[in-house]
Structure formats: C-alpha cells, structure tokens
C-alpha cells in the first residue's frame, strides 16, 4: 500500500492537469489517497500521544503504588507503636491493680490497729508480771538470806518439806489466788 500511495502521489503530482480532465475517478482516488495520508498522519500522532499518555499513566501508577506502599508501611509502624504503648500501659495498670489489691482496706487497718493495741497491752502486762516476779524473787532471796543469818532454820530444805514452792509461796496442791491485793504476798503472810 505504501508503494501504491507513493506512486499515486507521483502520478498525481506530475500528471495533475491531464488526470483532472480525462479520469475523474482517478482524481477522486488521488483525493482519497491524500485524505488517507492525512488520516494516517493524524492516527500516528494520536498513537504517539496515546503512547505518551500511557507512559505518563504508568509512571503515575508506579508513583501512586510507591506512595501507597510507604503510607501503608508508615501506618503499620504507627499501629505497631500504638500497640506497644497500649500493651505497656496495660501492664502498668495491671501492676498498679495488683498493688492496690495488696493494700489493706480500712477494716483490715482497723483490725490490725486493734490487734496491735491488744498485743501492746499484753506486752505491758508481761513486763509488769516479770517485774513483780523479780521483786518477789529478790525479796524471797533476801528473806532467805536473813533467816539463814539469824539461824531460824528456814532453809531451802524446810521450805520444800513444808510444801511451799516457787515465788508466790503457795502450798502445793492449792491454786494461787489471783486477786491484785494478793499478788506478790507470800502464802505464809496471808
């Protein structure tokens, strides 16, 4: 086709005056060939423009995919950071919750204070008892030493024979009297 169009053009250009008068169809053909050539040129220009636009679209598509991938990666990184932060906050809150559960309540604090008061009273009573026992023991030792010096004959053997024992000097077999007026008074003085 290309060769025929060149030949037709050549014929058209060189024999233009002769063709126009003798063969009108040939003139129409030459005109159609010119139109076909211009249309071909227009189609080639359109193809070139379409190819350029396709290249531009492809570059834009690649750039968009790159931007989307980087935005997705950034969003994933941000999401991972938020998840780590939330997990850390959850662990801290759980730890604080466990610590709060270990703290005593008001009722427990009151019970502990009450028990401590009772314990302190018991300690004071024990100290007082120990002090009284020491005093009784010292007095009995002193009386025993005085009796030995005087020679009354009240020694450890006689105390054991009479059935008197320990610091309260209560005869064996009898329960000690726990009245406050009697504490520390030997049984032989009652």
C-alpha atoms as a PDB file:
ATOM      1  CA  UNK A   1       0.000   0.000   0.000  1.00  0.00           C
ATOM      2  CA  UNK A   2       2.744   2.312   0.797  1.00  0.00           C
ATOM      3  CA  UNK A   3       4.277   1.866  -2.604  1.00  0.00           C
ATOM      4  CA  UNK A   4       0.973   2.449  -4.329  1.00  0.00           C
ATOM      5  CA  UNK A   5       0.356   5.651  -2.444  1.00  0.00           C
ATOM      6  CA  UNK A   6       3.773   6.951  -3.401  1.00  0.00           C
ATOM      7  CA  UNK A   7       3.157   6.015  -6.980  1.00  0.00           C
ATOM      8  CA  UNK A   8      -0.261   7.602  -6.914  1.00  0.00           C
ATOM      9  CA  UNK A   9       1.170  10.745  -5.450  1.00  0.00           C
ATOM     10  CA  UNK A  10       3.877  10.823  -8.021  1.00  0.00           C
ATOM     11  CA  UNK A  11       1.321  10.336 -10.725  1.00  0.00           C
ATOM     12  CA  UNK A  12      -0.959  12.884  -9.125  1.00  0.00           C
ATOM     13  CA  UNK A  13       1.722  15.496  -8.853  1.00  0.00           C
ATOM     14  CA  UNK A  14       3.222  15.048 -12.271  1.00  0.00           C
ATOM     15  CA  UNK A  15       0.098  14.491 -14.243  1.00  0.00           C
ATOM     16  CA  UNK A  16      -2.335  16.583 -12.412  1.00  0.00           C
ATOM     17  CA  UNK A  17      -3.683  18.606 -15.307  1.00  0.00           C
ATOM     18  CA  UNK A  18      -4.093  15.610 -17.544  1.00  0.00           C
ATOM     19  CA  UNK A  19      -5.811  13.480 -14.917  1.00  0.00           C
ATOM     20  CA  UNK A  20      -8.356  16.028 -13.951  1.00  0.00           C
ATOM     21  CA  UNK A  21      -9.844  16.167 -17.408  1.00  0.00           C
ATOM     22  CA  UNK A  22      -9.578  12.610 -18.543  1.00  0.00           C
ATOM     23  CA  UNK A  23     -10.296  10.485 -15.492  1.00  0.00           C
ATOM     24  CA  UNK A  24     -12.463  11.905 -12.786  1.00  0.00           C
ATOM     25  CA  UNK A  25     -12.329   8.697 -10.766  1.00  0.00           C
ATOM     26  CA  UNK A  26      -8.600   8.906 -10.741  1.00  0.00           C
ATOM     27  CA  UNK A  27      -8.888  12.357  -9.348  1.00  0.00           C
ATOM     28  CA  UNK A  28     -11.211  11.111  -6.646  1.00  0.00           C
ATOM     29  CA  UNK A  29      -8.794   8.321  -5.895  1.00  0.00           C
ATOM     30  CA  UNK A  30      -5.939  10.801  -5.593  1.00  0.00           C
ATOM     31  CA  UNK A  31      -8.022  12.932  -3.296  1.00  0.00           C
ATOM     32  CA  UNK A  32      -8.924   9.882  -1.179  1.00  0.00           C
ATOM     33  CA  UNK A  33      -5.252   8.949  -1.060  1.00  0.00           C
ATOM     34  CA  UNK A  34      -4.416  12.419   0.255  1.00  0.00           C
ATOM     35  CA  UNK A  35      -7.172  12.132   2.861  1.00  0.00           C
ATOM     36  CA  UNK A  36      -5.948   8.679   3.769  1.00  0.00           C
ATOM     37  CA  UNK A  37      -2.411  10.036   4.178  1.00  0.00           C
ATOM     38  CA  UNK A  38      -3.562  12.889   6.360  1.00  0.00           C
ATOM     39  CA  UNK A  39      -5.701  10.492   8.392  1.00  0.00           C
ATOM     40  CA  UNK A  40      -2.725   8.169   8.745  1.00  0.00           C
ATOM     41  CA  UNK A  41      -0.611  11.028   9.945  1.00  0.00           C
ATOM     42  CA  UNK A  42      -3.356  12.023  12.374  1.00  0.00           C
ATOM     43  CA  UNK A  43      -3.659   8.405  13.598  1.00  0.00           C
ATOM     44  CA  UNK A  44       0.117   8.231  14.093  1.00  0.00           C
ATOM     45  CA  UNK A  45       0.010  11.485  16.039  1.00  0.00           C
ATOM     46  CA  UNK A  46      -2.854  10.097  18.119  1.00  0.00           C
ATOM     47  CA  UNK A  47      -0.951   6.847  18.660  1.00  0.00           C
ATOM     48  CA  UNK A  48       2.106   8.824  19.730  1.00  0.00           C
ATOM     49  CA  UNK A  49       0.008  10.966  22.077  1.00  0.00           C
ATOM     50  CA  UNK A  50      -1.762   7.847  23.392  1.00  0.00           C
ATOM     51  CA  UNK A  51       1.592   6.144  23.939  1.00  0.00           C
ATOM     52  CA  UNK A  52       2.895   9.215  25.784  1.00  0.00           C
ATOM     53  CA  UNK A  53      -0.250   9.387  27.907  1.00  0.00           C
ATOM     54  CA  UNK A  54       0.018   5.639  28.608  1.00  0.00           C
ATOM     55  CA  UNK A  55       3.639   6.132  29.705  1.00  0.00           C
ATOM     56  CA  UNK A  56       2.578   9.050  31.888  1.00  0.00           C
ATOM     57  CA  UNK A  57      -0.261   6.971  33.362  1.00  0.00           C
ATOM     58  CA  UNK A  58       2.173   4.100  34.038  1.00  0.00           C
ATOM     59  CA  UNK A  59       4.626   6.440  35.769  1.00  0.00           C
ATOM     60  CA  UNK A  60       1.791   7.931  37.832  1.00  0.00           C
ATOM     61  CA  UNK A  61       0.577   4.426  38.683  1.00  0.00           C
ATOM     62  CA  UNK A  62       4.067   3.409  39.849  1.00  0.00           C
ATOM     63  CA  UNK A  63       4.422   6.644  41.856  1.00  0.00           C
ATOM     64  CA  UNK A  64       0.971   6.102  43.410  1.00  0.00           C
ATOM     65  CA  UNK A  65       1.853   2.487  44.298  1.00  0.00           C
ATOM     66  CA  UNK A  66       5.119   3.678  45.862  1.00  0.00           C
ATOM     67  CA  UNK A  67       3.335   6.383  47.881  1.00  0.00           C
ATOM     68  CA  UNK A  68       0.658   3.898  48.928  1.00  0.00           C
ATOM     69  CA  UNK A  69       3.267   1.342  49.998  1.00  0.00           C
ATOM     70  CA  UNK A  70       5.177   3.949  52.025  1.00  0.00           C
ATOM     71  CA  UNK A  71       1.932   5.244  53.579  1.00  0.00           C
ATOM     72  CA  UNK A  72       0.906   1.659  54.430  1.00  0.00           C
ATOM     73  CA  UNK A  73       4.317   0.987  55.964  1.00  0.00           C
ATOM     74  CA  UNK A  74       4.103   4.204  57.994  1.00  0.00           C
ATOM     75  CA  UNK A  75       0.577   3.310  59.141  1.00  0.00           C
ATOM     76  CA  UNK A  76       1.723  -0.191  60.116  1.00  0.00           C
ATOM     77  CA  UNK A  77       4.665   1.248  62.053  1.00  0.00           C
ATOM     78  CA  UNK A  78       2.362   3.727  63.829  1.00  0.00           C
ATOM     79  CA  UNK A  79      -0.111   0.949  64.619  1.00  0.00           C
ATOM     80  CA  UNK A  80       2.680  -1.264  65.981  1.00  0.00           C
ATOM     81  CA  UNK A  81       3.952   1.619  68.135  1.00  0.00           C
ATOM     82  CA  UNK A  82       0.455   2.277  69.481  1.00  0.00           C
ATOM     83  CA  UNK A  83       0.026  -1.435  70.241  1.00  0.00           C
ATOM     84  CA  UNK A  84       3.340  -1.483  72.136  1.00  0.00           C
ATOM     85  CA  UNK A  85       2.335   1.654  74.043  1.00  0.00           C
ATOM     86  CA  UNK A  86      -1.087   0.215  74.896  1.00  0.00           C
ATOM     87  CA  UNK A  87       0.469  -3.082  75.998  1.00  0.00           C
ATOM     88  CA  UNK A  88       2.925  -1.205  78.218  1.00  0.00           C
ATOM     89  CA  UNK A  89       0.087   0.869  79.729  1.00  0.00           C
ATOM     90  CA  UNK A  90      -1.952  -2.314  80.293  1.00  0.00           C
ATOM     91  CA  UNK A  91       0.969  -3.948  82.127  1.00  0.00           C
ATOM     92  CA  UNK A  92       1.450  -0.834  84.289  1.00  0.00           C
ATOM     93  CA  UNK A  93      -2.265  -0.703  85.121  1.00  0.00           C
ATOM     94  CA  UNK A  94      -2.310  -4.416  85.963  1.00  0.00           C
ATOM     95  CA  UNK A  95       0.698  -3.950  88.225  1.00  0.00           C
ATOM     96  CA  UNK A  96      -0.963  -0.995  89.948  1.00  0.00           C
ATOM     97  CA  UNK A  97      -4.163  -3.007  90.305  1.00  0.00           C
ATOM     98  CA  UNK A  98      -2.303  -5.895  91.927  1.00  0.00           C
ATOM     99  CA  UNK A  99      -0.578  -3.404  94.241  1.00  0.00           C
ATOM    100  CA  UNK A 100      -3.937  -1.897  95.179  1.00  0.00           C
ATOM    101  CA  UNK A 101      -5.317  -5.342  95.907  1.00  0.00           C
ATOM    102  CA  UNK A 102      -2.437  -5.945  98.292  1.00  0.00           C
ATOM    103  CA  UNK A 103      -3.099  -2.723 100.197  1.00  0.00           C
ATOM    104  CA  UNK A 104      -5.160  -3.219 103.322  1.00  0.00           C
ATOM    105  CA  UNK A 105      -8.698  -1.891 103.462  1.00  0.00           C
ATOM    106  CA  UNK A 106      -9.961   0.397 106.218  1.00  0.00           C
ATOM    107  CA  UNK A 107     -11.497  -2.546 108.019  1.00  0.00           C
ATOM    108  CA  UNK A 108      -8.255  -4.502 107.779  1.00  0.00           C
ATOM    109  CA  UNK A 109      -6.307  -1.476 109.014  1.00  0.00           C
ATOM    110  CA  UNK A 110      -8.682  -1.139 111.953  1.00  0.00           C
ATOM    111  CA  UNK A 111      -8.291  -4.840 112.762  1.00  0.00           C
ATOM    112  CA  UNK A 112      -4.507  -4.558 112.602  1.00  0.00           C
ATOM    113  CA  UNK A 113      -4.559  -1.493 114.875  1.00  0.00           C
ATOM    114  CA  UNK A 114      -6.837  -3.314 117.319  1.00  0.00           C
ATOM    115  CA  UNK A 115      -4.584  -6.366 117.341  1.00  0.00           C
ATOM    116  CA  UNK A 116      -1.543  -4.160 117.863  1.00  0.00           C
ATOM    117  CA  UNK A 117      -3.251  -2.482 120.831  1.00  0.00           C
ATOM    118  CA  UNK A 118      -4.068  -5.870 122.364  1.00  0.00           C
ATOM    119  CA  UNK A 119      -0.516  -7.031 121.737  1.00  0.00           C
ATOM    120  CA  UNK A 120       0.909  -3.901 123.361  1.00  0.00           C
ATOM    121  CA  UNK A 121      -1.363  -4.396 126.414  1.00  0.00           C
ATOM    122  CA  UNK A 122      -0.189  -7.989 126.670  1.00  0.00           C
ATOM    123  CA  UNK A 123       3.428  -6.872 126.474  1.00  0.00           C
ATOM    124  CA  UNK A 124       2.859  -4.307 129.233  1.00  0.00           C
ATOM    125  CA  UNK A 125       1.148  -6.905 131.401  1.00  0.00           C
ATOM    126  CA  UNK A 126       4.009  -9.344 130.809  1.00  0.00           C
ATOM    127  CA  UNK A 127       6.562  -6.684 131.707  1.00  0.00           C
ATOM    128  CA  UNK A 128       4.616  -5.851 134.866  1.00  0.00           C
ATOM    129  CA  UNK A 129       4.365  -9.560 135.786  1.00  0.00           C
ATOM    130  CA  UNK A 130       8.066 -10.044 135.127  1.00  0.00           C
ATOM    131  CA  UNK A 131       8.887  -7.006 137.283  1.00  0.00           C
ATOM    132  CA  UNK A 132       6.664  -8.305 140.114  1.00  0.00           C
ATOM    133  CA  UNK A 133       8.229 -11.742 139.872  1.00  0.00           C
ATOM    134  CA  UNK A 134      11.702 -10.253 140.023  1.00  0.00           C
ATOM    135  CA  UNK A 135      10.744  -8.201 143.074  1.00  0.00           C
ATOM    136  CA  UNK A 136       9.212 -11.238 144.786  1.00  0.00           C
ATOM    137  CA  UNK A 137      12.224 -13.334 143.927  1.00  0.00           C
ATOM    138  CA  UNK A 138      14.649 -10.703 145.256  1.00  0.00           C
ATOM    139  CA  UNK A 139      12.612 -10.265 148.423  1.00  0.00           C
ATOM    140  CA  UNK A 140      12.455 -14.015 148.981  1.00  0.00           C
ATOM    141  CA  UNK A 141      16.166 -14.361 148.439  1.00  0.00           C
ATOM    142  CA  UNK A 142      16.766 -11.546 150.852  1.00  0.00           C
ATOM    143  CA  UNK A 143      14.430 -13.095 153.455  1.00  0.00           C
ATOM    144  CA  UNK A 144      16.063 -16.459 152.995  1.00  0.00           C
ATOM    145  CA  UNK A 145      19.491 -14.920 153.487  1.00  0.00           C
ATOM    146  CA  UNK A 146      18.288 -13.067 156.596  1.00  0.00           C
ATOM    147  CA  UNK A 147      16.758 -16.241 158.020  1.00  0.00           C
ATOM    148  CA  UNK A 148      19.955 -18.132 157.451  1.00  0.00           C
ATOM    149  CA  UNK A 149      21.958 -15.413 159.136  1.00  0.00           C
ATOM    150  CA  UNK A 150      19.588 -15.376 162.154  1.00  0.00           C
ATOM    151  CA  UNK A 151      19.589 -19.100 162.206  1.00  0.00           C
ATOM    152  CA  UNK A 152      15.841 -19.545 162.171  1.00  0.00           C
ATOM    153  CA  UNK A 153      16.386 -22.738 160.351  1.00  0.00           C
ATOM    154  CA  UNK A 154      14.172 -21.902 157.435  1.00  0.00           C
ATOM    155  CA  UNK A 155      16.306 -23.069 154.599  1.00  0.00           C
ATOM    156  CA  UNK A 156      15.590 -24.490 151.194  1.00  0.00           C
ATOM    157  CA  UNK A 157      15.087 -27.974 152.677  1.00  0.00           C
ATOM    158  CA  UNK A 158      12.489 -26.794 155.161  1.00  0.00           C
ATOM    159  CA  UNK A 159      10.664 -24.818 152.511  1.00  0.00           C
ATOM    160  CA  UNK A 160      10.481 -27.943 150.389  1.00  0.00           C
ATOM    161  CA  UNK A 161       9.383 -30.057 153.367  1.00  0.00           C
ATOM    162  CA  UNK A 162       6.577 -27.675 154.272  1.00  0.00           C
ATOM    163  CA  UNK A 163       5.249 -27.959 150.730  1.00  0.00           C
ATOM    164  CA  UNK A 164       5.805 -24.344 149.818  1.00  0.00           C
ATOM    165  CA  UNK A 165       7.072 -23.730 146.324  1.00  0.00           C
ATOM    166  CA  UNK A 166       8.089 -21.036 143.889  1.00  0.00           C
ATOM    167  CA  UNK A 167       7.911 -17.269 144.188  1.00  0.00           C
ATOM    168  CA  UNK A 168       4.282 -16.894 145.265  1.00  0.00           C
ATOM    169  CA  UNK A 169       4.821 -19.222 148.202  1.00  0.00           C
ATOM    170  CA  UNK A 170       1.524 -21.055 147.685  1.00  0.00           C
ATOM    171  CA  UNK A 171       1.428 -24.528 149.281  1.00  0.00           C
ATOM    172  CA  UNK A 172       1.443 -27.338 146.757  1.00  0.00           C
ATOM    173  CA  UNK A 173      -1.920 -28.561 145.641  1.00  0.00           C
ATOM    174  CA  UNK A 174      -3.612 -25.189 146.100  1.00  0.00           C
ATOM    175  CA  UNK A 175      -4.372 -22.822 143.278  1.00  0.00           C
ATOM    176  CA  UNK A 176      -2.804 -19.415 143.550  1.00  0.00           C
ATOM    177  CA  UNK A 177      -5.179 -16.600 144.377  1.00  0.00           C
ATOM    178  CA  UNK A 178      -5.121 -14.072 141.565  1.00  0.00           C
ATOM    179  CA  UNK A 179      -6.567 -11.072 143.322  1.00  0.00           C
ATOM    180  CA  UNK A 180      -4.486  -7.928 142.836  1.00  0.00           C
ATOM    181  CA  UNK A 181      -4.206  -7.387 146.565  1.00  0.00           C
ATOM    182  CA  UNK A 182      -2.646 -10.822 146.986  1.00  0.00           C
ATOM    183  CA  UNK A 183      -0.154 -10.721 144.120  1.00  0.00           C
ATOM    184  CA  UNK A 184       3.372 -10.787 145.406  1.00  0.00           C
ATOM    185  CA  UNK A 185       2.386 -11.614 149.018  1.00  0.00           C
ATOM    186  CA  UNK A 186       3.798 -14.917 150.269  1.00  0.00           C
ATOM    187  CA  UNK A 187       1.297 -17.538 151.345  1.00  0.00           C
ATOM    188  CA  UNK A 188       2.687 -17.721 154.957  1.00  0.00           C
ATOM    189  CA  UNK A 189       1.888 -13.997 155.397  1.00  0.00           C
ATOM    190  CA  UNK A 190      -1.809 -14.299 154.490  1.00  0.00           C
END
